[in-house]
Amino acid sequence: MNMELQKKICLLGDFAVGKTSLIRRFVEGIFDEKYLSTLGAKVDRKVLKFEADEQSIQLKLLIWDIAGGEKFNMMMRSYYNGSSGAILVCDLTRLETILSLKNYVSDFHGINQAVPLVIMGNKVDLVEPQSDIVTRLAEVAAQYQVPYFVSSAKTGQNVEISFHTLGKSIVQRSSKNG
C-alpha cells in the first residue's frame, strides 16, 4: 500500500546561522561559501521515502526558509501557519543563537501546538567536538525534549539525518491523527 503526504516545515533561527545553506545542502547537495540573505521566506521541495507497517510512504516536504532576525513580528509568524514541524537552527560559533532558540520554540508552538521539532547546531566544522557550546545545545534540546544534531552545511555532516528525523516524526504523527 502506498501513501503520499505533503507537509510544510519551517527552518527557523537567527540571522546567518546557515538555514539557507542547510536547505541547499539537503535539497541540491551543494554548498556555496557566498552568503545569501533570505528576505521574508523562500520555499524549496524535497521528497522523502519511508517504509512503515508494510506501507510505502512518500513525504513531500515544502521547506520554508524563513528570514532570521531579532524581531518576532506578525509577518514572520504568519509564515508559520499550517506547518507540520520545524528545524530550529543555531550557529555553534555564536552562543547567543543557541540562547535565542527558546524564542523560536515559543513563537512557533504558539501557532502550531505540539508539532515535532528538531534542533540543528550548525557549523560544527568550526568548533572543537568537546566544546562547551555543544553541551549548551544538548541542554536546550533536553529542555524541550527534542532531538538535536550537530551539523555542517559545508561538509554535509548530519544534514540528511536531521531532515529525515523530522520527516519520520511528521509521518508518525500523521498516521496517529488519521
N, C-alpha and C. Protein backbone atom coordinates (compact mmCIF):
# COMPACT_ATOMS: atom_id res chain seq x y z
N MET A 1 0.84 -1.18 0.00
CA MET A 1 0.00 0.00 0.00
C MET A 1 0.88 1.24 0.00
N ASN A 2 0.54 2.21 -0.81
CA ASN A 2 1.31 3.45 -0.90
C ASN A 2 0.52 4.61 -0.34
N MET A 3 1.25 5.53 0.30
CA MET A 3 0.62 6.72 0.83
C MET A 3 1.50 7.92 0.47
N GLU A 4 0.85 8.99 0.08
CA GLU A 4 1.56 10.22 -0.22
C GLU A 4 1.08 11.33 0.70
N LEU A 5 2.04 12.03 1.28
CA LEU A 5 1.74 13.16 2.15
C LEU A 5 2.51 14.37 1.64
N GLN A 6 1.91 15.53 1.82
CA GLN A 6 2.62 16.78 1.55
C GLN A 6 2.52 17.62 2.82
N LYS A 7 3.67 18.00 3.36
CA LYS A 7 3.69 18.73 4.62
C LYS A 7 4.65 19.91 4.56
N LYS A 8 4.24 20.98 5.20
CA LYS A 8 5.05 22.19 5.29
C LYS A 8 5.90 22.12 6.55
N ILE A 9 7.19 22.43 6.40
CA ILE A 9 8.07 22.58 7.56
C ILE A 9 8.77 23.94 7.45
N CYS A 10 9.22 24.44 8.57
CA CYS A 10 9.95 25.71 8.60
C CYS A 10 11.35 25.50 9.15
N LEU A 11 12.30 26.25 8.61
CA LEU A 11 13.62 26.35 9.22
C LEU A 11 13.68 27.71 9.88
N LEU A 12 13.95 27.69 11.19
CA LEU A 12 13.92 28.91 11.99
C LEU A 12 15.25 29.09 12.69
N GLY A 13 15.64 30.32 12.86
CA GLY A 13 16.86 30.63 13.59
C GLY A 13 17.31 32.03 13.27
N ASP A 14 18.27 32.50 14.03
CA ASP A 14 18.77 33.85 13.86
C ASP A 14 19.42 34.06 12.50
N PHE A 15 19.65 35.31 12.21
CA PHE A 15 20.33 35.76 11.01
C PHE A 15 21.70 35.08 10.90
N ALA A 16 22.02 34.54 9.72
CA ALA A 16 23.34 33.99 9.38
C ALA A 16 23.74 32.74 10.16
N VAL A 17 22.76 31.92 10.58
CA VAL A 17 23.11 30.65 11.24
C VAL A 17 23.32 29.52 10.23
N GLY A 18 22.91 29.74 8.98
CA GLY A 18 23.13 28.75 7.94
C GLY A 18 21.89 28.03 7.45
N LYS A 19 20.71 28.60 7.68
CA LYS A 19 19.46 27.94 7.27
C LYS A 19 19.43 27.69 5.76
N THR A 20 19.72 28.71 4.99
CA THR A 20 19.69 28.59 3.53
C THR A 20 20.73 27.58 3.05
N SER A 21 21.90 27.61 3.65
CA SER A 21 22.97 26.67 3.26
C SER A 21 22.59 25.23 3.60
N LEU A 22 21.93 25.03 4.74
CA LEU A 22 21.48 23.68 5.10
C LEU A 22 20.44 23.17 4.12
N ILE A 23 19.52 24.04 3.73
CA ILE A 23 18.49 23.64 2.77
C ILE A 23 19.13 23.31 1.42
N ARG A 24 20.05 24.14 0.97
CA ARG A 24 20.72 23.88 -0.32
C ARG A 24 21.48 22.56 -0.27
N ARG A 25 22.14 22.29 0.85
CA ARG A 25 22.87 21.02 1.01
C ARG A 25 21.88 19.85 0.95
N PHE A 26 20.75 19.96 1.63
CA PHE A 26 19.76 18.89 1.68
C PHE A 26 19.05 18.70 0.34
N VAL A 27 18.59 19.77 -0.27
CA VAL A 27 17.79 19.67 -1.49
C VAL A 27 18.65 19.46 -2.74
N GLU A 28 19.75 20.22 -2.84
CA GLU A 28 20.55 20.20 -4.06
C GLU A 28 21.89 19.48 -3.90
N GLY A 29 22.29 19.19 -2.66
CA GLY A 29 23.57 18.52 -2.43
C GLY A 29 24.78 19.41 -2.63
N ILE A 30 24.58 20.74 -2.51
CA ILE A 30 25.70 21.66 -2.75
C ILE A 30 25.89 22.61 -1.57
N PHE A 31 27.08 23.20 -1.52
CA PHE A 31 27.41 24.23 -0.54
C PHE A 31 28.13 25.34 -1.28
N ASP A 32 27.77 26.57 -0.94
CA ASP A 32 28.39 27.73 -1.56
C ASP A 32 28.88 28.64 -0.44
N GLU A 33 30.14 29.05 -0.52
CA GLU A 33 30.72 29.93 0.51
C GLU A 33 30.05 31.30 0.55
N LYS A 34 29.46 31.72 -0.57
CA LYS A 34 28.84 33.05 -0.62
C LYS A 34 27.63 33.10 0.30
N TYR A 35 27.51 34.18 1.03
CA TYR A 35 26.38 34.35 1.93
C TYR A 35 25.18 34.83 1.15
N LEU A 36 24.06 34.14 1.33
CA LEU A 36 22.81 34.53 0.68
C LEU A 36 21.80 34.88 1.76
N SER A 37 21.43 36.12 1.84
CA SER A 37 20.45 36.55 2.84
C SER A 37 19.05 36.29 2.34
N THR A 38 18.22 35.73 3.20
CA THR A 38 16.83 35.46 2.85
C THR A 38 15.97 36.64 3.29
N LEU A 39 15.16 37.12 2.38
CA LEU A 39 14.21 38.19 2.70
C LEU A 39 12.83 37.56 2.75
N GLY A 40 12.18 37.64 3.90
CA GLY A 40 10.86 37.03 4.03
C GLY A 40 10.98 35.53 4.14
N ALA A 41 10.52 34.82 3.11
CA ALA A 41 10.59 33.36 3.12
C ALA A 41 10.80 32.86 1.69
N LYS A 42 11.49 31.72 1.59
CA LYS A 42 11.71 31.05 0.33
C LYS A 42 11.30 29.60 0.53
N VAL A 43 10.68 28.99 -0.48
CA VAL A 43 10.18 27.62 -0.35
C VAL A 43 10.92 26.69 -1.32
N ASP A 44 11.41 25.57 -0.77
CA ASP A 44 12.01 24.51 -1.57
C ASP A 44 11.21 23.24 -1.32
N ARG A 45 11.44 22.24 -2.18
CA ARG A 45 10.72 20.97 -2.05
C ARG A 45 11.70 19.81 -2.12
N LYS A 46 11.36 18.76 -1.38
CA LYS A 46 12.11 17.51 -1.48
C LYS A 46 11.20 16.38 -1.00
N VAL A 47 11.30 15.24 -1.69
CA VAL A 47 10.50 14.07 -1.34
C VAL A 47 11.36 13.09 -0.54
N LEU A 48 10.84 12.65 0.59
CA LEU A 48 11.47 11.63 1.41
C LEU A 48 10.62 10.37 1.33
N LYS A 49 11.28 9.22 1.42
CA LYS A 49 10.55 7.95 1.38
C LYS A 49 10.78 7.19 2.66
N PHE A 50 9.68 6.64 3.18
CA PHE A 50 9.71 5.88 4.42
C PHE A 50 8.95 4.58 4.21
N GLU A 51 9.34 3.56 4.96
CA GLU A 51 8.62 2.29 5.00
C GLU A 51 8.12 2.11 6.42
N ALA A 52 6.83 1.88 6.57
CA ALA A 52 6.25 1.68 7.91
C ALA A 52 5.03 0.79 7.81
N ASP A 53 4.99 -0.24 8.63
CA ASP A 53 3.83 -1.14 8.69
C ASP A 53 3.42 -1.62 7.30
N GLU A 54 4.39 -2.16 6.57
CA GLU A 54 4.15 -2.68 5.22
C GLU A 54 3.55 -1.63 4.29
N GLN A 55 3.89 -0.40 4.55
CA GLN A 55 3.36 0.71 3.76
C GLN A 55 4.53 1.55 3.25
N SER A 56 4.47 1.93 2.00
CA SER A 56 5.46 2.82 1.42
C SER A 56 4.90 4.24 1.48
N ILE A 57 5.64 5.12 2.13
CA ILE A 57 5.16 6.49 2.33
C ILE A 57 6.09 7.47 1.64
N GLN A 58 5.49 8.31 0.80
CA GLN A 58 6.23 9.40 0.17
C GLN A 58 5.82 10.69 0.87
N LEU A 59 6.81 11.34 1.47
CA LEU A 59 6.56 12.60 2.16
C LEU A 59 7.18 13.72 1.35
N LYS A 60 6.32 14.55 0.78
CA LYS A 60 6.80 15.71 0.03
C LYS A 60 6.90 16.87 1.02
N LEU A 61 8.13 17.27 1.30
CA LEU A 61 8.35 18.39 2.22
C LEU A 61 8.36 19.70 1.47
N LEU A 62 7.57 20.63 1.94
CA LEU A 62 7.63 22.01 1.48
C LEU A 62 8.44 22.74 2.55
N ILE A 63 9.67 23.06 2.23
CA ILE A 63 10.63 23.57 3.21
C ILE A 63 10.67 25.09 3.13
N TRP A 64 10.16 25.73 4.16
CA TRP A 64 10.12 27.18 4.22
C TRP A 64 11.37 27.69 4.93
N ASP A 65 12.17 28.43 4.20
CA ASP A 65 13.38 29.07 4.72
C ASP A 65 12.94 30.47 5.15
N ILE A 66 12.84 30.68 6.45
CA ILE A 66 12.29 31.93 6.97
C ILE A 66 13.41 32.82 7.48
N ALA A 67 13.42 34.06 7.01
CA ALA A 67 14.46 35.00 7.40
C ALA A 67 14.57 35.09 8.91
N GLY A 68 15.81 35.10 9.40
CA GLY A 68 16.05 35.21 10.84
C GLY A 68 16.18 36.67 11.23
N GLY A 69 16.07 36.89 12.50
CA GLY A 69 16.22 38.25 12.99
C GLY A 69 15.79 38.36 14.42
N GLU A 70 16.06 39.49 14.98
CA GLU A 70 15.75 39.71 16.39
C GLU A 70 14.27 39.98 16.61
N LYS A 71 13.59 40.50 15.63
CA LYS A 71 12.19 40.86 15.80
C LYS A 71 11.30 39.68 15.43
N PHE A 72 10.40 39.32 16.34
CA PHE A 72 9.44 38.27 16.09
C PHE A 72 8.12 38.96 15.76
N ASN A 73 8.07 39.49 14.56
CA ASN A 73 6.89 40.28 14.21
C ASN A 73 5.78 39.41 13.61
N MET A 74 4.63 40.00 13.44
CA MET A 74 3.47 39.27 12.94
C MET A 74 3.69 38.72 11.54
N MET A 75 4.42 39.44 10.71
CA MET A 75 4.67 38.98 9.35
C MET A 75 5.42 37.65 9.37
N MET A 76 6.47 37.57 10.18
CA MET A 76 7.24 36.34 10.25
C MET A 76 6.38 35.20 10.82
N ARG A 77 5.64 35.49 11.86
CA ARG A 77 4.81 34.45 12.47
C ARG A 77 3.74 33.95 11.50
N SER A 78 3.28 34.80 10.60
CA SER A 78 2.27 34.35 9.63
C SER A 78 2.82 33.25 8.73
N TYR A 79 4.14 33.23 8.52
CA TYR A 79 4.76 32.17 7.71
C TYR A 79 4.69 30.82 8.41
N TYR A 80 4.51 30.80 9.73
CA TYR A 80 4.47 29.56 10.49
C TYR A 80 3.15 28.80 10.31
N ASN A 81 2.08 29.50 9.92
CA ASN A 81 0.75 28.90 9.83
C ASN A 81 0.75 27.63 8.98
N GLY A 82 0.11 26.59 9.50
CA GLY A 82 -0.06 25.36 8.75
C GLY A 82 1.16 24.46 8.70
N SER A 83 2.16 24.74 9.50
CA SER A 83 3.37 23.92 9.49
C SER A 83 3.16 22.63 10.28
N SER A 84 3.77 21.57 9.79
CA SER A 84 3.70 20.28 10.46
C SER A 84 4.94 19.99 11.29
N GLY A 85 5.91 20.89 11.25
CA GLY A 85 7.14 20.71 12.02
C GLY A 85 8.12 21.82 11.70
N ALA A 86 9.22 21.83 12.45
CA ALA A 86 10.25 22.84 12.21
C ALA A 86 11.61 22.31 12.61
N ILE A 87 12.61 22.83 11.93
CA ILE A 87 14.00 22.63 12.33
C ILE A 87 14.49 23.97 12.83
N LEU A 88 14.95 23.98 14.08
CA LEU A 88 15.48 25.19 14.70
C LEU A 88 16.99 25.15 14.55
N VAL A 89 17.55 26.19 13.94
CA VAL A 89 18.97 26.20 13.61
C VAL A 89 19.70 27.26 14.42
N CYS A 90 20.84 26.86 14.97
CA CYS A 90 21.72 27.81 15.65
C CYS A 90 23.12 27.65 15.09
N ASP A 91 23.96 28.62 15.37
CA ASP A 91 25.34 28.65 14.90
C ASP A 91 26.23 28.30 16.09
N LEU A 92 26.94 27.20 16.00
CA LEU A 92 27.77 26.74 17.12
C LEU A 92 28.95 27.66 17.42
N THR A 93 29.18 28.65 16.58
CA THR A 93 30.25 29.61 16.87
C THR A 93 29.72 30.85 17.59
N ARG A 94 28.37 30.91 17.77
CA ARG A 94 27.76 32.07 18.43
C ARG A 94 26.74 31.61 19.46
N LEU A 95 27.13 31.66 20.73
CA LEU A 95 26.27 31.21 21.83
C LEU A 95 24.91 31.89 21.82
N GLU A 96 24.86 33.17 21.49
CA GLU A 96 23.58 33.89 21.53
C GLU A 96 22.53 33.27 20.61
N THR A 97 22.96 32.57 19.54
CA THR A 97 21.99 31.95 18.64
C THR A 97 21.37 30.71 19.27
N ILE A 98 22.09 30.07 20.18
CA ILE A 98 21.51 28.95 20.94
C ILE A 98 20.52 29.48 21.97
N LEU A 99 20.90 30.55 22.62
CA LEU A 99 20.04 31.13 23.65
C LEU A 99 18.72 31.65 23.08
N SER A 100 18.74 32.09 21.82
CA SER A 100 17.51 32.62 21.22
C SER A 100 16.56 31.54 20.72
N LEU A 101 16.99 30.27 20.76
CA LEU A 101 16.11 29.19 20.30
C LEU A 101 14.80 29.15 21.07
N LYS A 102 14.85 29.51 22.37
CA LYS A 102 13.62 29.48 23.18
C LYS A 102 12.56 30.41 22.60
N ASN A 103 12.97 31.54 22.03
CA ASN A 103 12.00 32.46 21.42
C ASN A 103 11.34 31.83 20.20
N TYR A 104 12.13 31.11 19.41
CA TYR A 104 11.58 30.46 18.23
C TYR A 104 10.63 29.34 18.62
N VAL A 105 11.00 28.55 19.64
CA VAL A 105 10.12 27.47 20.10
C VAL A 105 8.80 28.06 20.58
N SER A 106 8.88 29.10 21.40
CA SER A 106 7.68 29.72 21.96
C SER A 106 6.77 30.28 20.86
N ASP A 107 7.34 31.04 19.95
CA ASP A 107 6.57 31.62 18.85
C ASP A 107 5.96 30.55 17.96
N PHE A 108 6.77 29.57 17.58
CA PHE A 108 6.31 28.54 16.65
C PHE A 108 5.23 27.68 17.29
N HIS A 109 5.47 27.22 18.52
CA HIS A 109 4.46 26.37 19.18
C HIS A 109 3.23 27.17 19.59
N GLY A 110 3.34 28.48 19.65
CA GLY A 110 2.17 29.30 19.89
C GLY A 110 1.19 29.25 18.74
N ILE A 111 1.68 28.95 17.55
CA ILE A 111 0.85 28.87 16.35
C ILE A 111 0.57 27.42 15.95
N ASN A 112 1.56 26.56 16.09
CA ASN A 112 1.44 25.15 15.72
C ASN A 112 1.76 24.30 16.96
N GLN A 113 0.77 24.10 17.77
CA GLN A 113 0.99 23.39 19.04
C GLN A 113 1.32 21.93 18.82
N ALA A 114 2.30 21.47 19.58
CA ALA A 114 2.65 20.05 19.66
C ALA A 114 3.12 19.43 18.35
N VAL A 115 3.59 20.22 17.40
CA VAL A 115 4.17 19.62 16.20
C VAL A 115 5.64 19.31 16.47
N PRO A 116 6.20 18.34 15.75
CA PRO A 116 7.58 17.93 16.02
C PRO A 116 8.60 19.02 15.68
N LEU A 117 9.68 19.01 16.46
CA LEU A 117 10.80 19.92 16.25
C LEU A 117 12.09 19.11 16.25
N VAL A 118 13.08 19.63 15.55
CA VAL A 118 14.45 19.12 15.59
C VAL A 118 15.34 20.35 15.71
N ILE A 119 16.40 20.23 16.51
CA ILE A 119 17.37 21.32 16.63
C ILE A 119 18.65 20.93 15.92
N MET A 120 19.18 21.86 15.13
CA MET A 120 20.46 21.65 14.45
C MET A 120 21.44 22.72 14.91
N GLY A 121 22.56 22.27 15.46
CA GLY A 121 23.66 23.17 15.78
C GLY A 121 24.59 23.16 14.60
N ASN A 122 24.51 24.17 13.77
CA ASN A 122 25.25 24.22 12.51
C ASN A 122 26.66 24.77 12.70
N LYS A 123 27.50 24.51 11.72
CA LYS A 123 28.89 24.98 11.65
C LYS A 123 29.79 24.22 12.63
N VAL A 124 29.47 22.93 12.84
CA VAL A 124 30.29 22.10 13.72
C VAL A 124 31.72 21.98 13.20
N ASP A 125 31.91 22.16 11.92
CA ASP A 125 33.25 22.10 11.34
C ASP A 125 34.15 23.25 11.84
N LEU A 126 33.56 24.23 12.51
CA LEU A 126 34.32 25.39 13.00
C LEU A 126 34.54 25.38 14.52
N VAL A 127 34.10 24.32 15.22
CA VAL A 127 34.26 24.26 16.67
C VAL A 127 34.91 22.93 17.08
N GLU A 128 35.45 22.91 18.28
CA GLU A 128 36.02 21.68 18.84
C GLU A 128 34.89 20.72 19.21
N PRO A 129 35.05 19.43 18.94
CA PRO A 129 33.98 18.46 19.22
C PRO A 129 33.54 18.43 20.68
N GLN A 130 34.42 18.65 21.61
CA GLN A 130 34.07 18.60 23.03
C GLN A 130 33.77 19.99 23.58
N SER A 131 33.40 20.90 22.72
CA SER A 131 33.15 22.28 23.10
C SER A 131 32.01 22.42 24.10
N ASP A 132 32.14 23.41 25.00
CA ASP A 132 31.08 23.71 25.96
C ASP A 132 29.79 24.12 25.25
N ILE A 133 29.92 24.70 24.07
CA ILE A 133 28.74 25.16 23.35
C ILE A 133 27.86 23.98 22.91
N VAL A 134 28.48 22.84 22.61
CA VAL A 134 27.72 21.65 22.25
C VAL A 134 26.95 21.14 23.47
N THR A 135 27.56 21.27 24.64
CA THR A 135 26.87 20.91 25.89
C THR A 135 25.66 21.80 26.10
N ARG A 136 25.81 23.09 25.85
CA ARG A 136 24.69 24.03 25.97
C ARG A 136 23.56 23.65 25.01
N LEU A 137 23.93 23.28 23.79
CA LEU A 137 22.94 22.87 22.79
C LEU A 137 22.17 21.64 23.29
N ALA A 138 22.88 20.68 23.84
CA ALA A 138 22.24 19.47 24.38
C ALA A 138 21.28 19.82 25.51
N GLU A 139 21.65 20.78 26.34
CA GLU A 139 20.78 21.20 27.45
C GLU A 139 19.48 21.83 26.93
N VAL A 140 19.58 22.65 25.90
CA VAL A 140 18.39 23.28 25.31
C VAL A 140 17.49 22.21 24.70
N ALA A 141 18.08 21.27 23.97
CA ALA A 141 17.30 20.19 23.36
C ALA A 141 16.60 19.36 24.43
N ALA A 142 17.29 19.08 25.53
CA ALA A 142 16.70 18.31 26.63
C ALA A 142 15.54 19.08 27.28
N GLN A 143 15.72 20.39 27.39
CA GLN A 143 14.67 21.23 27.99
C GLN A 143 13.36 21.10 27.22
N TYR A 144 13.45 21.05 25.89
CA TYR A 144 12.26 20.95 25.05
C TYR A 144 11.95 19.51 24.63
N GLN A 145 12.76 18.57 25.06
CA GLN A 145 12.58 17.16 24.75
C GLN A 145 12.49 16.91 23.25
N VAL A 146 13.47 17.47 22.53
CA VAL A 146 13.52 17.30 21.08
C VAL A 146 14.90 16.78 20.68
N PRO A 147 14.96 16.03 19.58
CA PRO A 147 16.27 15.56 19.11
C PRO A 147 17.11 16.73 18.61
N TYR A 148 18.42 16.58 18.73
CA TYR A 148 19.32 17.60 18.20
C TYR A 148 20.49 16.93 17.49
N PHE A 149 21.05 17.67 16.57
CA PHE A 149 22.20 17.20 15.80
C PHE A 149 23.18 18.34 15.67
N VAL A 150 24.47 18.02 15.73
CA VAL A 150 25.48 19.00 15.35
C VAL A 150 25.74 18.75 13.87
N SER A 151 25.69 19.81 13.10
CA SER A 151 25.71 19.66 11.65
C SER A 151 26.67 20.64 11.00
N SER A 152 26.88 20.38 9.72
CA SER A 152 27.69 21.29 8.91
C SER A 152 27.11 21.31 7.50
N ALA A 153 26.63 22.46 7.08
CA ALA A 153 26.16 22.59 5.70
C ALA A 153 27.34 22.44 4.74
N LYS A 154 28.52 22.84 5.20
CA LYS A 154 29.72 22.78 4.35
C LYS A 154 30.11 21.33 4.05
N THR A 155 30.18 20.48 5.09
CA THR A 155 30.61 19.10 4.89
C THR A 155 29.44 18.15 4.66
N GLY A 156 28.24 18.57 5.03
CA GLY A 156 27.07 17.72 4.92
C GLY A 156 26.80 16.89 6.17
N GLN A 157 27.66 17.02 7.18
CA GLN A 157 27.52 16.22 8.40
C GLN A 157 26.16 16.41 9.04
N ASN A 158 25.44 15.31 9.22
CA ASN A 158 24.14 15.23 9.91
C ASN A 158 23.02 16.06 9.28
N VAL A 159 23.18 16.50 8.06
CA VAL A 159 22.12 17.27 7.41
C VAL A 159 20.97 16.34 7.03
N GLU A 160 21.27 15.27 6.31
CA GLU A 160 20.22 14.33 5.88
C GLU A 160 19.46 13.76 7.09
N ILE A 161 20.19 13.31 8.08
CA ILE A 161 19.54 12.66 9.23
C ILE A 161 18.64 13.63 9.99
N SER A 162 19.02 14.90 10.02
CA SER A 162 18.18 15.89 10.71
C SER A 162 16.83 16.03 10.03
N PHE A 163 16.83 16.18 8.72
CA PHE A 163 15.58 16.30 7.97
C PHE A 163 14.78 14.99 8.02
N HIS A 164 15.47 13.85 7.92
CA HIS A 164 14.78 12.56 7.98
C HIS A 164 14.16 12.32 9.34
N THR A 165 14.83 12.75 10.40
CA THR A 165 14.29 12.59 11.75
C THR A 165 13.00 13.38 11.89
N LEU A 166 13.01 14.63 11.41
CA LEU A 166 11.79 15.43 11.45
C LEU A 166 10.71 14.79 10.58
N GLY A 167 11.08 14.37 9.38
CA GLY A 167 10.12 13.73 8.48
C GLY A 167 9.47 12.50 9.08
N LYS A 168 10.27 11.67 9.73
CA LYS A 168 9.74 10.46 10.36
C LYS A 168 8.75 10.83 11.47
N SER A 169 9.06 11.84 12.26
CA SER A 169 8.14 12.29 13.31
C SER A 169 6.83 12.80 12.73
N ILE A 170 6.91 13.50 11.61
CA ILE A 170 5.71 14.02 10.96
C ILE A 170 4.85 12.88 10.43
N VAL A 171 5.49 11.88 9.81
CA VAL A 171 4.76 10.72 9.29
C VAL A 171 4.08 9.97 10.43
N GLN A 172 4.80 9.75 11.54
CA GLN A 172 4.22 9.05 12.69
C GLN A 172 3.04 9.83 13.24
N ARG A 173 3.17 11.13 13.34
CA ARG A 173 2.09 11.98 13.87
C ARG A 173 0.89 11.95 12.92
N SER A 174 1.14 11.97 11.62
CA SER A 174 0.06 11.93 10.62
C SER A 174 -0.70 10.61 10.68
N SER A 175 0.02 9.51 10.87
CA SER A 175 -0.66 8.22 10.90
C SER A 175 -1.48 8.04 12.18
N LYS A 176 -1.03 8.66 13.28
CA LYS A 176 -1.81 8.61 14.54
C LYS A 176 -3.07 9.47 14.45
N ASN A 177 -2.95 10.59 13.74
CA ASN A 177 -4.07 11.54 13.65
C ASN A 177 -4.99 11.23 12.48
N GLY A 178 -4.69 10.17 11.76
CA GLY A 178 -5.56 9.77 10.66
C GLY A 178 -5.31 10.58 9.47
